[in-house]
């Protein structure tokens, strides 16, 4: 379980670094686009 926790922490850290380079507006736009993408998959 520690390996999984460690891997997830690494992924979250990378995500924070990537999203940290975006402005608040860009993060909002990205969230909206990802939400639309996921919604399309859920409908299938």
PDB file of N, CA and C in Angstrom:
ATOM      1  N   UNK A   1       0.827  -1.193   0.000  1.00  0.00           N
ATOM      2  CA  UNK A   1       0.000   0.000   0.000  1.00  0.00           C
ATOM      3  C   UNK A   1       0.872   1.258   0.000  1.00  0.00           C
ATOM      4  N   UNK A   2       2.012   1.191   0.602  1.00  0.00           N
ATOM      5  CA  UNK A   2       2.902   2.361   0.628  1.00  0.00           C
ATOM      6  C   UNK A   2       3.362   2.731  -0.771  1.00  0.00           C
ATOM      7  N   UNK A   3       3.581   1.713  -1.618  1.00  0.00           N
ATOM      8  CA  UNK A   3       4.003   1.991  -2.994  1.00  0.00           C
ATOM      9  C   UNK A   3       2.914   2.754  -3.745  1.00  0.00           C
ATOM     10  N   UNK A   4       1.669   2.361  -3.529  1.00  0.00           N
ATOM     11  CA  UNK A   4       0.545   3.043  -4.178  1.00  0.00           C
ATOM     12  C   UNK A   4       0.439   4.473  -3.664  1.00  0.00           C
ATOM     13  N   UNK A   5       0.524   4.649  -2.364  1.00  0.00           N
ATOM     14  CA  UNK A   5       0.463   5.992  -1.776  1.00  0.00           C
ATOM     15  C   UNK A   5       1.577   6.872  -2.322  1.00  0.00           C
ATOM     16  N   UNK A   6       2.764   6.318  -2.426  1.00  0.00           N
ATOM     17  CA  UNK A   6       3.909   7.067  -2.930  1.00  0.00           C
ATOM     18  C   UNK A   6       3.708   7.453  -4.396  1.00  0.00           C
ATOM     19  N   UNK A   7       3.202   6.514  -5.180  1.00  0.00           N
ATOM     20  CA  UNK A   7       2.962   6.790  -6.596  1.00  0.00           C
ATOM     21  C   UNK A   7       1.902   7.878  -6.764  1.00  0.00           C
ATOM     22  N   UNK A   8       0.837   7.790  -5.995  1.00  0.00           N
ATOM     23  CA  UNK A   8      -0.216   8.806  -6.083  1.00  0.00           C
ATOM     24  C   UNK A   8       0.284  10.176  -5.654  1.00  0.00           C
ATOM     25  N   UNK A   9       1.100  10.203  -4.619  1.00  0.00           N
ATOM     26  CA  UNK A   9       1.655  11.483  -4.169  1.00  0.00           C
ATOM     27  C   UNK A   9       2.516  12.095  -5.266  1.00  0.00           C
ATOM     28  N   UNK A  10       3.293  11.257  -5.945  1.00  0.00           N
ATOM     29  CA  UNK A  10       4.104  11.750  -7.056  1.00  0.00           C
ATOM     30  C   UNK A  10       3.255  12.311  -8.185  1.00  0.00           C
ATOM     31  N   UNK A  11       2.176  11.623  -8.510  1.00  0.00           N
ATOM     32  CA  UNK A  11       1.270  12.099  -9.555  1.00  0.00           C
ATOM     33  C   UNK A  11       0.622  13.426  -9.166  1.00  0.00           C
ATOM     34  N   UNK A  12       0.195  13.528  -7.912  1.00  0.00           N
ATOM     35  CA  UNK A  12      -0.421  14.772  -7.445  1.00  0.00           C
ATOM     36  C   UNK A  12       0.570  15.928  -7.457  1.00  0.00           C
ATOM     37  N   UNK A  13       1.804  15.648  -7.104  1.00  0.00           N
ATOM     38  CA  UNK A  13       2.833  16.691  -7.116  1.00  0.00           C
ATOM     39  C   UNK A  13       3.065  17.186  -8.542  1.00  0.00           C
ATOM     40  N   UNK A  14       3.140  16.249  -9.491  1.00  0.00           N
ATOM     41  CA  UNK A  14       3.315  16.638 -10.894  1.00  0.00           C
ATOM     42  C   UNK A  14       2.126  17.451 -11.395  1.00  0.00           C
ATOM     43  N   UNK A  15       0.935  17.044 -10.999  1.00  0.00           N
ATOM     44  CA  UNK A  15      -0.268  17.778 -11.398  1.00  0.00           C
ATOM     45  C   UNK A  15      -0.238  19.198 -10.851  1.00  0.00           C
ATOM     46  N   UNK A  16       0.143  19.348  -9.603  1.00  0.00           N
ATOM     47  CA  UNK A  16       0.229  20.687  -8.998  1.00  0.00           C
ATOM     48  C   UNK A  16       1.230  21.562  -9.749  1.00  0.00           C
ATOM     49  N   UNK A  17       2.354  20.971 -10.136  1.00  0.00           N
ATOM     50  CA  UNK A  17       3.371  21.727 -10.868  1.00  0.00           C
ATOM     51  C   UNK A  17       2.844  22.165 -12.232  1.00  0.00           C
ATOM     52  N   UNK A  18       2.184  21.251 -12.940  1.00  0.00           N
ATOM     53  CA  UNK A  18       1.649  21.583 -14.260  1.00  0.00           C
ATOM     54  C   UNK A  18       0.561  22.642 -14.174  1.00  0.00           C
ATOM     55  N   UNK A  19      -0.371  22.453 -13.259  1.00  0.00           N
ATOM     56  CA  UNK A  19      -1.474  23.404 -13.135  1.00  0.00           C
ATOM     57  C   UNK A  19      -1.006  24.734 -12.559  1.00  0.00           C
ATOM     58  N   UNK A  20       0.068  24.707 -11.802  1.00  0.00           N
ATOM     59  CA  UNK A  20       0.601  25.930 -11.212  1.00  0.00           C
ATOM     60  C   UNK A  20       1.116  26.915 -12.242  1.00  0.00           C
ATOM     61  N   UNK A  21       1.411  26.435 -13.448  1.00  0.00           N
ATOM     62  CA  UNK A  21       1.900  27.326 -14.507  1.00  0.00           C
ATOM     63  C   UNK A  21       0.757  28.025 -15.234  1.00  0.00           C
ATOM     64  N   UNK A  22      -0.478  27.583 -14.972  1.00  0.00           N
ATOM     65  CA  UNK A  22      -1.641  28.164 -15.643  1.00  0.00           C
ATOM     66  C   UNK A  22      -2.263  29.269 -14.797  1.00  0.00           C
ATOM     67  N   UNK A  23      -2.829  30.233 -15.481  1.00  0.00           N
ATOM     68  CA  UNK A  23      -3.572  31.278 -14.773  1.00  0.00           C
ATOM     69  C   UNK A  23      -4.884  30.684 -14.271  1.00  0.00           C
ATOM     70  N   UNK A  24      -5.539  31.390 -13.379  1.00  0.00           N
ATOM     71  CA  UNK A  24      -6.831  30.931 -12.864  1.00  0.00           C
ATOM     72  C   UNK A  24      -7.831  30.761 -14.006  1.00  0.00           C
ATOM     73  N   UNK A  25      -7.824  31.677 -14.946  1.00  0.00           N
ATOM     74  CA  UNK A  25      -8.733  31.601 -16.102  1.00  0.00           C
ATOM     75  C   UNK A  25      -8.425  30.367 -16.943  1.00  0.00           C
ATOM     76  N   UNK A  26      -7.140  30.092 -17.171  1.00  0.00           N
ATOM     77  CA  UNK A  26      -6.757  28.913 -17.949  1.00  0.00           C
ATOM     78  C   UNK A  26      -7.134  27.623 -17.232  1.00  0.00           C
ATOM     79  N   UNK A  27      -6.989  27.599 -15.908  1.00  0.00           N
ATOM     80  CA  UNK A  27      -7.391  26.408 -15.140  1.00  0.00           C
ATOM     81  C   UNK A  27      -8.894  26.187 -15.244  1.00  0.00           C
ATOM     82  N   UNK A  28      -9.647  27.277 -15.207  1.00  0.00           N
ATOM     83  CA  UNK A  28     -11.104  27.182 -15.340  1.00  0.00           C
ATOM     84  C   UNK A  28     -11.484  26.656 -16.729  1.00  0.00           C
ATOM     85  N   UNK A  29     -10.819  27.169 -17.756  1.00  0.00           N
ATOM     86  CA  UNK A  29     -11.073  26.709 -19.122  1.00  0.00           C
ATOM     87  C   UNK A  29     -10.734  25.235 -19.266  1.00  0.00           C
ATOM     88  N   UNK A  30      -9.605  24.831 -18.727  1.00  0.00           N
ATOM     89  CA  UNK A  30      -9.204  23.426 -18.777  1.00  0.00           C
ATOM     90  C   UNK A  30     -10.220  22.543 -18.068  1.00  0.00           C
ATOM     91  N   UNK A  31     -10.665  22.959 -16.910  1.00  0.00           N
ATOM     92  CA  UNK A  31     -11.659  22.183 -16.158  1.00  0.00           C
ATOM     93  C   UNK A  31     -12.953  22.039 -16.956  1.00  0.00           C
ATOM     94  N   UNK A  32     -13.379  23.109 -17.604  1.00  0.00           N
ATOM     95  CA  UNK A  32     -14.599  23.054 -18.417  1.00  0.00           C
ATOM     96  C   UNK A  32     -14.443  22.087 -19.585  1.00  0.00           C
ATOM     97  N   UNK A  33     -13.302  22.151 -20.265  1.00  0.00           N
ATOM     98  CA  UNK A  33     -13.065  21.266 -21.404  1.00  0.00           C
ATOM     99  C   UNK A  33     -12.982  19.803 -20.977  1.00  0.00           C
ATOM    100  N   UNK A  34     -12.297  19.537 -19.883  1.00  0.00           N
ATOM    101  CA  UNK A  34     -12.193  18.159 -19.394  1.00  0.00           C
ATOM    102  C   UNK A  34     -13.552  17.633 -18.959  1.00  0.00           C
ATOM    103  N   UNK A  35     -14.354  18.488 -18.376  1.00  0.00           N
ATOM    104  CA  UNK A  35     -15.699  18.095 -17.964  1.00  0.00           C
ATOM    105  C   UNK A  35     -16.542  17.707 -19.175  1.00  0.00           C
ATOM    106  N   UNK A  36     -16.457  18.490 -20.244  1.00  0.00           N
ATOM    107  CA  UNK A  36     -17.187  18.171 -21.470  1.00  0.00           C
ATOM    108  C   UNK A  36     -16.709  16.849 -22.058  1.00  0.00           C
ATOM    109  N   UNK A  37     -15.419  16.626 -22.041  1.00  0.00           N
ATOM    110  CA  UNK A  37     -14.858  15.389 -22.580  1.00  0.00           C
ATOM    111  C   UNK A  37     -15.356  14.179 -21.801  1.00  0.00           C
ATOM    112  N   UNK A  38     -15.330  14.259 -20.500  1.00  0.00           N
ATOM    113  CA  UNK A  38     -15.776  13.149 -19.657  1.00  0.00           C
ATOM    114  C   UNK A  38     -17.267  12.905 -19.841  1.00  0.00           C
ATOM    115  N   UNK A  39     -18.038  13.976 -19.961  1.00  0.00           N
ATOM    116  CA  UNK A  39     -19.484  13.845 -20.148  1.00  0.00           C
ATOM    117  C   UNK A  39     -19.791  13.071 -21.425  1.00  0.00           C
ATOM    118  N   UNK A  40     -19.040  13.320 -22.490  1.00  0.00           N
ATOM    119  CA  UNK A  40     -19.254  12.603 -23.746  1.00  0.00           C
ATOM    120  C   UNK A  40     -18.973  11.111 -23.581  1.00  0.00           C
ATOM    121  N   UNK A  41     -17.956  10.750 -22.823  1.00  0.00           N
ATOM    122  CA  UNK A  41     -17.655   9.339 -22.584  1.00  0.00           C
ATOM    123  C   UNK A  41     -18.737   8.688 -21.734  1.00  0.00           C
ATOM    124  N   UNK A  42     -19.272   9.423 -20.782  1.00  0.00           N
ATOM    125  CA  UNK A  42     -20.311   8.882 -19.902  1.00  0.00           C
ATOM    126  C   UNK A  42     -21.600   8.587 -20.655  1.00  0.00           C
ATOM    127  N   UNK A  43     -21.842   9.296 -21.732  1.00  0.00           N
ATOM    128  CA  UNK A  43     -23.077   9.115 -22.491  1.00  0.00           C
ATOM    129  C   UNK A  43     -23.045   7.861 -23.359  1.00  0.00           C
ATOM    130  N   UNK A  44     -21.870   7.335 -23.627  1.00  0.00           N
ATOM    131  CA  UNK A  44     -21.745   6.154 -24.501  1.00  0.00           C
ATOM    132  C   UNK A  44     -22.035   4.881 -23.783  1.00  0.00           C
TER     133      UNK A  44
END
